[in-house]
PDB file of all heavy atoms in Angstrom:
ATOM      1  N   VAL A   1      95.272  82.671 116.646  1.00  0.00           N
ATOM      2  CA  VAL A   1      95.121  81.429 117.396  1.00  0.00           C
ATOM      3  C   VAL A   1      93.730  80.876 117.125  1.00  0.00           C
ATOM      4  O   VAL A   1      92.742  81.610 117.199  1.00  0.00           O
ATOM      5  CB  VAL A   1      95.310  81.648 118.913  1.00  0.00           C
ATOM      6  CG1 VAL A   1      95.047  80.351 119.682  1.00  0.00           C
ATOM      7  CG2 VAL A   1      96.720  82.154 119.218  1.00  0.00           C
ATOM      8  N   ASP A   2      93.702  79.600 116.742  1.00  0.00           N
ATOM      9  CA  ASP A   2      92.436  78.929 116.436  1.00  0.00           C
ATOM     10  C   ASP A   2      91.614  79.703 115.414  1.00  0.00           C
ATOM     11  O   ASP A   2      90.367  79.792 115.507  1.00  0.00           O
ATOM     12  CB  ASP A   2      91.622  78.707 117.713  1.00  0.00           C
ATOM     13  CG  ASP A   2      92.309  77.776 118.676  1.00  0.00           C
ATOM     14  OD1 ASP A   2      93.037  76.862 118.245  1.00  0.00           O
ATOM     15  OD2 ASP A   2      92.149  77.944 119.901  1.00  0.00           O
ATOM     16  N   GLY A   3      92.312  80.299 114.446  1.00  0.00           N
ATOM     17  CA  GLY A   3      91.633  81.017 113.380  1.00  0.00           C
ATOM     18  C   GLY A   3      91.211  82.427 113.719  1.00  0.00           C
ATOM     19  O   GLY A   3      90.682  83.139 112.842  1.00  0.00           O
ATOM     20  N   ASN A   4      91.475  82.875 114.941  1.00  0.00           N
ATOM     21  CA  ASN A   4      91.090  84.230 115.351  1.00  0.00           C
ATOM     22  C   ASN A   4      92.320  85.148 115.313  1.00  0.00           C
ATOM     23  O   ASN A   4      93.343  84.831 115.942  1.00  0.00           O
ATOM     24  CB  ASN A   4      90.508  84.208 116.765  1.00  0.00           C
ATOM     25  CG  ASN A   4      89.247  83.375 116.840  1.00  0.00           C
ATOM     26  OD1 ASN A   4      88.352  83.533 116.038  1.00  0.00           O
ATOM     27  ND2 ASN A   4      89.199  82.464 117.820  1.00  0.00           N
ATOM     28  N   ILE A   5      92.231  86.257 114.594  1.00  0.00           N
ATOM     29  CA  ILE A   5      93.347  87.205 114.496  1.00  0.00           C
ATOM     30  C   ILE A   5      93.570  87.894 115.841  1.00  0.00           C
ATOM     31  O   ILE A   5      92.659  88.484 116.406  1.00  0.00           O
ATOM     32  CB  ILE A   5      93.094  88.241 113.396  1.00  0.00           C
ATOM     33  CG1 ILE A   5      92.969  87.562 112.021  1.00  0.00           C
ATOM     34  CG2 ILE A   5      94.184  89.294 113.384  1.00  0.00           C
ATOM     35  CD1 ILE A   5      94.240  86.951 111.505  1.00  0.00           C
ATOM     36  N   ILE A   6      94.809  87.820 116.321  1.00  0.00           N
ATOM     37  CA  ILE A   6      95.186  88.500 117.571  1.00  0.00           C
ATOM     38  C   ILE A   6      95.781  89.861 117.253  1.00  0.00           C
ATOM     39  O   ILE A   6      95.480  90.863 117.903  1.00  0.00           O
ATOM     40  CB  ILE A   6      96.218  87.657 118.348  1.00  0.00           C
ATOM     41  CG1 ILE A   6      95.727  86.223 118.565  1.00  0.00           C
ATOM     42  CG2 ILE A   6      96.555  88.336 119.664  1.00  0.00           C
ATOM     43  CD1 ILE A   6      94.477  86.116 119.387  1.00  0.00           C
ATOM     44  N   THR A   7      96.618  89.941 116.227  1.00  0.00           N
ATOM     45  CA  THR A   7      97.194  91.213 115.811  1.00  0.00           C
ATOM     46  C   THR A   7      97.520  91.128 114.326  1.00  0.00           C
ATOM     47  O   THR A   7      97.796  90.054 113.770  1.00  0.00           O
ATOM     48  CB  THR A   7      98.481  91.545 116.599  1.00  0.00           C
ATOM     49  OG1 THR A   7      98.954  92.824 116.235  1.00  0.00           O
ATOM     50  CG2 THR A   7      99.577  90.518 116.371  1.00  0.00           C
ATOM     51  N   GLN A   8      97.430  92.275 113.636  1.00  0.00           N
ATOM     52  CA  GLN A   8      97.692  92.308 112.209  1.00  0.00           C
ATOM     53  C   GLN A   8      98.195  93.708 111.824  1.00  0.00           C
ATOM     54  O   GLN A   8      97.645  94.709 112.274  1.00  0.00           O
ATOM     55  CB  GLN A   8      96.419  91.989 111.439  1.00  0.00           C
ATOM     56  CG  GLN A   8      96.601  91.852 109.938  1.00  0.00           C
ATOM     57  CD  GLN A   8      95.397  91.231 109.258  1.00  0.00           C
ATOM     58  OE1 GLN A   8      95.546  90.446 108.327  1.00  0.00           O
ATOM     59  NE2 GLN A   8      94.207  91.553 109.733  1.00  0.00           N
ATOM     60  N   ASP A   9      99.252  93.761 111.004  1.00  0.00           N
ATOM     61  CA  ASP A   9      99.856  95.022 110.650  1.00  0.00           C
ATOM     62  C   ASP A   9     100.106  95.053 109.130  1.00  0.00           C
ATOM     63  O   ASP A   9     100.420  94.037 108.522  1.00  0.00           O
ATOM     64  CB  ASP A   9     101.181  95.221 111.407  1.00  0.00           C
ATOM     65  CG  ASP A   9     101.762  96.584 111.199  1.00  0.00           C
ATOM     66  OD1 ASP A   9     101.362  97.512 111.943  1.00  0.00           O
ATOM     67  OD2 ASP A   9     102.616  96.746 110.314  1.00  0.00           O
ATOM     68  N   PHE A  10      99.962  96.253 108.557  1.00  0.00           N
ATOM     69  CA  PHE A  10     100.200  96.419 107.116  1.00  0.00           C
ATOM     70  C   PHE A  10     101.136  97.583 106.849  1.00  0.00           C
ATOM     71  O   PHE A  10     101.234  98.518 107.634  1.00  0.00           O
ATOM     72  CB  PHE A  10      98.879  96.711 106.384  1.00  0.00           C
ATOM     73  CG  PHE A  10      97.857  95.612 106.501  1.00  0.00           C
ATOM     74  CD1 PHE A  10      96.718  95.790 107.280  1.00  0.00           C
ATOM     75  CD2 PHE A  10      98.028  94.417 105.851  1.00  0.00           C
ATOM     76  CE1 PHE A  10      95.775  94.777 107.399  1.00  0.00           C
ATOM     77  CE2 PHE A  10      97.075  93.409 105.951  1.00  0.00           C
ATOM     78  CZ  PHE A  10      95.947  93.587 106.738  1.00  0.00           C
ATOM     79  N   PHE A  11     101.871  97.508 105.718  1.00  0.00           N
ATOM     80  CA  PHE A  11     102.664  98.648 105.260  1.00  0.00           C
ATOM     81  C   PHE A  11     101.715  99.788 104.877  1.00  0.00           C
ATOM     82  O   PHE A  11     100.656  99.548 104.299  1.00  0.00           O
ATOM     83  CB  PHE A  11     103.459  98.287 103.991  1.00  0.00           C
ATOM     84  CG  PHE A  11     104.535  97.263 104.133  1.00  0.00           C
ATOM     85  CD1 PHE A  11     104.681  96.499 105.290  1.00  0.00           C
ATOM     86  CD2 PHE A  11     105.418  97.043 103.108  1.00  0.00           C
ATOM     87  CE1 PHE A  11     105.698  95.567 105.395  1.00  0.00           C
ATOM     88  CE2 PHE A  11     106.436  96.105 103.176  1.00  0.00           C
ATOM     89  CZ  PHE A  11     106.565  95.353 104.331  1.00  0.00           C
ATOM     90  N   PRO A  12     102.101 101.042 105.143  1.00  0.00           N
ATOM     91  CA  PRO A  12     101.344 102.144 104.564  1.00  0.00           C
ATOM     92  C   PRO A  12     101.377 102.016 103.046  1.00  0.00           C
ATOM     93  O   PRO A  12     102.388 101.662 102.454  1.00  0.00           O
ATOM     94  CB  PRO A  12     102.111 103.387 105.040  1.00  0.00           C
ATOM     95  CG  PRO A  12     102.827 102.927 106.266  1.00  0.00           C
ATOM     96  CD  PRO A  12     103.198 101.490 106.011  1.00  0.00           C
ATOM     97  N   GLN A  13     100.271 102.390 102.412  1.00  0.00           N
ATOM     98  CA  GLN A  13     100.167 102.231 100.943  1.00  0.00           C
ATOM     99  C   GLN A  13     101.256 103.029 100.220  1.00  0.00           C
ATOM    100  O   GLN A  13     101.814 102.592  99.206  1.00  0.00           O
ATOM    101  CB  GLN A  13      98.789 102.658 100.457  1.00  0.00           C
ATOM    102  CG  GLN A  13      97.633 101.788 100.950  1.00  0.00           C
ATOM    103  CD  GLN A  13      97.646 100.400 100.302  1.00  0.00           C
ATOM    104  OE1 GLN A  13      98.489  99.576 100.623  1.00  0.00           O
ATOM    105  NE2 GLN A  13      96.745 100.167  99.384  1.00  0.00           N
ATOM    106  N   GLU A  14     101.570 104.240 100.751  1.00  0.00           N
ATOM    107  CA  GLU A  14     102.589 105.040 100.107  1.00  0.00           C
ATOM    108  C   GLU A  14     103.976 104.385 100.188  1.00  0.00           C
ATOM    109  O   GLU A  14     104.836 104.559  99.309  1.00  0.00           O
ATOM    110  CB  GLU A  14     102.649 106.466 100.686  1.00  0.00           C
ATOM    111  CG  GLU A  14     102.950 106.559 102.179  1.00  0.00           C
ATOM    112  CD  GLU A  14     101.724 106.515 103.049  1.00  0.00           C
ATOM    113  OE1 GLU A  14     100.657 106.011 102.603  1.00  0.00           O
ATOM    114  OE2 GLU A  14     101.815 106.999 104.204  1.00  0.00           O
ATOM    115  N   ASP A  15     104.204 103.609 101.238  1.00  0.00           N
ATOM    116  CA  ASP A  15     105.452 102.899 101.362  1.00  0.00           C
ATOM    117  C   ASP A  15     105.562 101.755 100.337  1.00  0.00           C
ATOM    118  O   ASP A  15     106.641 101.473  99.811  1.00  0.00           O
ATOM    119  CB  ASP A  15     105.641 102.324 102.771  1.00  0.00           C
ATOM    120  CG  ASP A  15     105.973 103.386 103.800  1.00  0.00           C
ATOM    121  OD1 ASP A  15     105.935 104.592 103.450  1.00  0.00           O
ATOM    122  OD2 ASP A  15     106.293 103.021 104.948  1.00  0.00           O
ATOM    123  N   VAL A  16     104.426 101.078 100.111  1.00  0.00           N
ATOM    124  CA  VAL A  16     104.418 100.021  99.119  1.00  0.00           C
ATOM    125  C   VAL A  16     104.806 100.581  97.767  1.00  0.00           C
ATOM    126  O   VAL A  16     105.628  99.999  97.040  1.00  0.00           O
ATOM    127  CB  VAL A  16     103.012  99.334  99.034  1.00  0.00           C
ATOM    128  CG1 VAL A  16     103.012  98.270  97.929  1.00  0.00           C
ATOM    129  CG2 VAL A  16     102.639  98.711 100.375  1.00  0.00           C
ATOM    130  N   LEU A  17     104.246 101.757  97.434  1.00  0.00           N
ATOM    131  CA  LEU A  17     104.600 102.391  96.158  1.00  0.00           C
ATOM    132  C   LEU A  17     106.064 102.765  96.102  1.00  0.00           C
ATOM    133  O   LEU A  17     106.753 102.556  95.110  1.00  0.00           O
ATOM    134  CB  LEU A  17     103.725 103.630  95.938  1.00  0.00           C
ATOM    135  CG  LEU A  17     102.324 103.396  95.423  1.00  0.00           C
ATOM    136  CD1 LEU A  17     101.544 104.681  95.429  1.00  0.00           C
ATOM    137  CD2 LEU A  17     102.366 102.768  94.036  1.00  0.00           C
ATOM    138  N   GLU A  18     106.599 103.320  97.217  1.00  0.00           N
ATOM    139  CA  GLU A  18     107.983 103.716  97.236  1.00  0.00           C
ATOM    140  C   GLU A  18     108.921 102.498  97.102  1.00  0.00           C
ATOM    141  O   GLU A  18     109.904 102.539  96.352  1.00  0.00           O
ATOM    142  CB  GLU A  18     108.300 104.463  98.542  1.00  0.00           C
ATOM    143  CG  GLU A  18     109.749 104.956  98.608  1.00  0.00           C
ATOM    144  CD  GLU A  18     110.084 105.670  99.919  1.00  0.00           C
ATOM    145  OE1 GLU A  18     109.231 105.690 100.808  1.00  0.00           O
ATOM    146  OE2 GLU A  18     111.231 106.160 100.031  1.00  0.00           O
ATOM    147  N   LEU A  19     108.600 101.438  97.805  1.00  0.00           N
ATOM    148  CA  LEU A  19     109.422 100.226  97.729  1.00  0.00           C
ATOM    149  C   LEU A  19     109.394  99.627  96.325  1.00  0.00           C
ATOM    150  O   LEU A  19     110.438  99.279  95.771  1.00  0.00           O
ATOM    151  CB  LEU A  19     108.925  99.194  98.753  1.00  0.00           C
ATOM    152  CG  LEU A  19     109.261  99.485 100.211  1.00  0.00           C
ATOM    153  CD1 LEU A  19     108.297  98.776 101.153  1.00  0.00           C
ATOM    154  CD2 LEU A  19     110.683  99.042 100.537  1.00  0.00           C
ATOM    155  N   THR A  20     108.202  99.494  95.754  1.00  0.00           N
ATOM    156  CA  THR A  20     108.107  98.899  94.435  1.00  0.00           C
ATOM    157  C   THR A  20     108.807  99.758  93.373  1.00  0.00           C
ATOM    158  O   THR A  20     109.470  99.217  92.488  1.00  0.00           O
ATOM    159  CB  THR A  20     106.637  98.674  94.027  1.00  0.00           C
ATOM    160  OG1 THR A  20     105.920  99.901  94.061  1.00  0.00           O
ATOM    161  CG2 THR A  20     105.963  97.665  94.944  1.00  0.00           C
ATOM    162  N   GLU A  21     108.673 101.065  93.478  1.00  0.00           N
ATOM    163  CA  GLU A  21     109.349 101.927  92.509  1.00  0.00           C
ATOM    164  C   GLU A  21     110.875 101.823  92.657  1.00  0.00           C
ATOM    165  O   GLU A  21     111.607 101.838  91.644  1.00  0.00           O
ATOM    166  CB  GLU A  21     108.884 103.369  92.705  1.00  0.00           C
ATOM    167  CG  GLU A  21     107.455 103.586  92.216  1.00  0.00           C
ATOM    168  CD  GLU A  21     106.938 105.001  92.488  1.00  0.00           C
ATOM    169  OE1 GLU A  21     107.714 105.800  93.058  1.00  0.00           O
ATOM    170  OE2 GLU A  21     105.773 105.288  92.171  1.00  0.00           O
ATOM    171  N   LYS A  22     111.342 101.732  93.888  1.00  0.00           N
ATOM    172  CA  LYS A  22     112.791 101.586  94.106  1.00  0.00           C
ATOM    173  C   LYS A  22     113.294 100.256  93.543  1.00  0.00           C
ATOM    174  O   LYS A  22     114.331 100.220  92.845  1.00  0.00           O
ATOM    175  CB  LYS A  22     113.077 101.664  95.630  1.00  0.00           C
ATOM    176  CG  LYS A  22     114.563 101.647  95.971  1.00  0.00           C
ATOM    177  CD  LYS A  22     115.231 102.926  95.582  1.00  0.00           C
ATOM    178  CE  LYS A  22     116.669 102.998  96.097  1.00  0.00           C
ATOM    179  NZ  LYS A  22     117.385 104.199  95.615  1.00  0.00           N
ATOM    180  N   PHE A  23     112.562  99.179  93.799  1.00  0.00           N
ATOM    181  CA  PHE A  23     112.961  97.862  93.288  1.00  0.00           C
ATOM    182  C   PHE A  23     112.952  97.857  91.759  1.00  0.00           C
ATOM    183  O   PHE A  23     113.878  97.338  91.133  1.00  0.00           O
ATOM    184  CB  PHE A  23     112.035  96.769  93.826  1.00  0.00           C
ATOM    185  CG  PHE A  23     112.064  96.614  95.323  1.00  0.00           C
ATOM    186  CD1 PHE A  23     110.999  95.971  95.984  1.00  0.00           C
ATOM    187  CD2 PHE A  23     113.120  97.084  96.094  1.00  0.00           C
ATOM    188  CE1 PHE A  23     111.026  95.820  97.361  1.00  0.00           C
ATOM    189  CE2 PHE A  23     113.148  96.930  97.462  1.00  0.00           C
ATOM    190  CZ  PHE A  23     112.091  96.279  98.102  1.00  0.00           C
ATOM    191  N   GLU A  24     111.895  98.408  91.179  1.00  0.00           N
ATOM    192  CA  GLU A  24     111.811  98.392  89.726  1.00  0.00           C
ATOM    193  C   GLU A  24     112.879  99.280  89.081  1.00  0.00           C
ATOM    194  O   GLU A  24     113.383  98.933  87.997  1.00  0.00           O
ATOM    195  CB  GLU A  24     110.404  98.863  89.273  1.00  0.00           C
ATOM    196  CG  GLU A  24     109.347  97.829  89.620  1.00  0.00           C
ATOM    197  CD  GLU A  24     108.007  98.114  88.951  1.00  0.00           C
ATOM    198  OE1 GLU A  24     107.973  98.985  88.057  1.00  0.00           O
ATOM    199  OE2 GLU A  24     107.044  97.448  89.306  1.00  0.00           O
ATOM    200  N   GLY A  25     113.224 100.363  89.746  1.00  0.00           N
ATOM    201  CA  GLY A  25     114.302 101.212  89.261  1.00  0.00           C
ATOM    202  C   GLY A  25     115.638 100.496  89.220  1.00  0.00           C
ATOM    203  O   GLY A  25     116.520 100.845  88.416  1.00  0.00           O
ATOM    204  N   MET A  26     115.783  99.462  90.070  1.00  0.00           N
ATOM    205  CA  MET A  26     116.998  98.667  90.096  1.00  0.00           C
ATOM    206  C   MET A  26     116.868  97.408  89.264  1.00  0.00           C
ATOM    207  O   MET A  26     117.789  96.581  89.236  1.00  0.00           O
ATOM    208  CB  MET A  26     117.349  98.331  91.562  1.00  0.00           C
ATOM    209  CG  MET A  26     117.640  99.543  92.410  1.00  0.00           C
ATOM    210  SD  MET A  26     117.811  99.139  94.193  1.00  0.00           S
ATOM    211  CE  MET A  26     119.354  98.206  94.166  1.00  0.00           C
ATOM    212  N   GLY A  27     115.696  97.209  88.664  1.00  0.00           N
ATOM    213  CA  GLY A  27     115.471  96.022  87.836  1.00  0.00           C
ATOM    214  C   GLY A  27     115.306  94.751  88.649  1.00  0.00           C
ATOM    215  O   GLY A  27     115.625  93.656  88.143  1.00  0.00           O
ATOM    216  N   LEU A  28     114.787  94.865  89.867  1.00  0.00           N
ATOM    217  CA  LEU A  28     114.654  93.707  90.768  1.00  0.00           C
ATOM    218  C   LEU A  28     113.206  93.191  90.800  1.00  0.00           C
ATOM    219  O   LEU A  28     112.274  93.926  90.531  1.00  0.00           O
ATOM    220  CB  LEU A  28     115.113  94.087  92.175  1.00  0.00           C
ATOM    221  CG  LEU A  28     116.513  94.685  92.282  1.00  0.00           C
ATOM    222  CD1 LEU A  28     116.852  94.975  93.743  1.00  0.00           C
ATOM    223  CD2 LEU A  28     117.554  93.757  91.682  1.00  0.00           C
TER     224      LEU A  28
END
């Protein structure tokens, strides 16, 4: 709100790797 972050969440880094590897394995 008004440029001030109220809440922020990120994927765990290991999940990003798992997701990307899964997608790439399917050619997506």
